[in-house]
């Protein structure tokens, strides 16, 4: 069986070591947009400033100072100094404004970058991912609309709009929220549904397909190991010699004396490759490991007493609700589905349930006037469906089939599928604090959508030691991986990097900054090492 599994697939990486370990320069864990973009850069595709002047005069002056050099070779801290935008990472802002100048002003200006391919600059790497290229995008509901504009989802050198025009060609599908069939390319449906497609936003299924097509179109497939699950990442203490137990003589641990075996900083990445019904173990040694795993693996859970409640009542995935609707377990005559959360995922669930006429009880801890609610930051002309949900949330009278409970939390699930809610305390006439009486609400399901956290179990302790606050779990919003803002290298482990949501960038629009920072750091490090070798 072992020989059979080894013949299943030839894994990318240099072969021939005495231990059978695969060697490469960079292992990228995660094949979503961050991993794909980094693979493109490491394959020798370098960005240069083109002839389009940048609208920011200060940045334009900086760009022209070393116009003949690639952005990868320049000082990213100097170029990104003073930039402002919707990301906290300076390199992400730099890459965004070079690709989409004045995007926050609603302008559609040409990119300031051109891309040149340098085959000799290729840095050997492998991209590991459980599913097809695109990562978690393939696990989302394909009929949902993206939050970002379609062209903000694109990767270098492959225009999303041009791709979409060819891909969408008169193809129709069912709009999940309005329940009717219409062409995906229509800017706005005429049948009155506020949640139908617009040209400037994309369907999730199209974005997922775009990323898969991108890998093929750019010739990156040989770097991707689809069907791979990483089980362990650890730093190696490299020692090229060991004592032979039989002879007592010192011998080289690698008979070939390969340079990659002798580097002082080395990481070991182990996992399994699923090919049909077979599992093929693999092991990579590399001086650089990039974590690009995203943030949707482990849903956050409620801390509540369940008593004798039914364990099947609480779910954390909208697909479970859709399955129950398809099996006719939920309909307009059912007890309401309780949706817990006040983010866009919760709003999507409400739109889905109401389109199927399933009654909804909506529970969230924030006040409807809370400035941090994401609905307050979205233009209503571009996101009418989310503003409709926000309007429902604010209504004291409620809507048919919908009832909101702001500033409430679920404290108990009792037998008979009854949820106990606790509301805000209030001050009485004589100044005494009065607790809000408990509310008991019958439910058919409780859909908890209060965020998620990444699965970094391959690091041990779910990667807590690498977070900004090592005493708490990694959280992409509150406690990301602690990285250098320009190289994205871990502040706590040399050769370990984090990009995308793990580094605090949750929108695809900004994830190209991480790959730029890492590729720039690796290119500069390689050039420095080569210069030292010549000396």
Foldseek 3Di string as FASTA:
>chain_A
DQVVLVPQDDADADADWPVGAGEFAEEEEFQALLVLQLLLVLQQKFKAFDDDAAPPVVLSVVNVVPRVDTPLQDDQCVNQPPFDDDFPFSLLSNVLCQCAPPVVVVDRDHHRIDIDGDNVSHGTYAYEDQAARNACLVVDDQLAWDPAWQQLLDHPPDGRLVVCCVVQPQDWDARLQQRDIDRQCDQDDPPPDPRHHHNGIHGSNSSSVNRNVVCVVSVNVSRYQYNKDWQAKDWDQQDQWDQDPPPRDIDGPTPVVDVLSHDRTKMKIWIWGDDPPDIHIHIYIHNAYEYENAFADFADDDDAAAEPADPVQEDADLVVVVVCVVVVVFALPFFAAEEEAQAVVSLVSVSSCVSRNGAYEYEYQADLPDPPRVLNVDPCVVVVSSVVVSVQQPDPVHDVRYHYQYNKDWHYQYYQQKTKIWHDWDADPVRDTGGDDIDIGHHRHYHYHHGGGDQCPNHPPRCLCQWPHSVDHDDLAPIAGDADSQQQAGPVGRNYGYFESSPNHPDSSSRSSNSSSNSSVVSVVVVVVVVVVVD
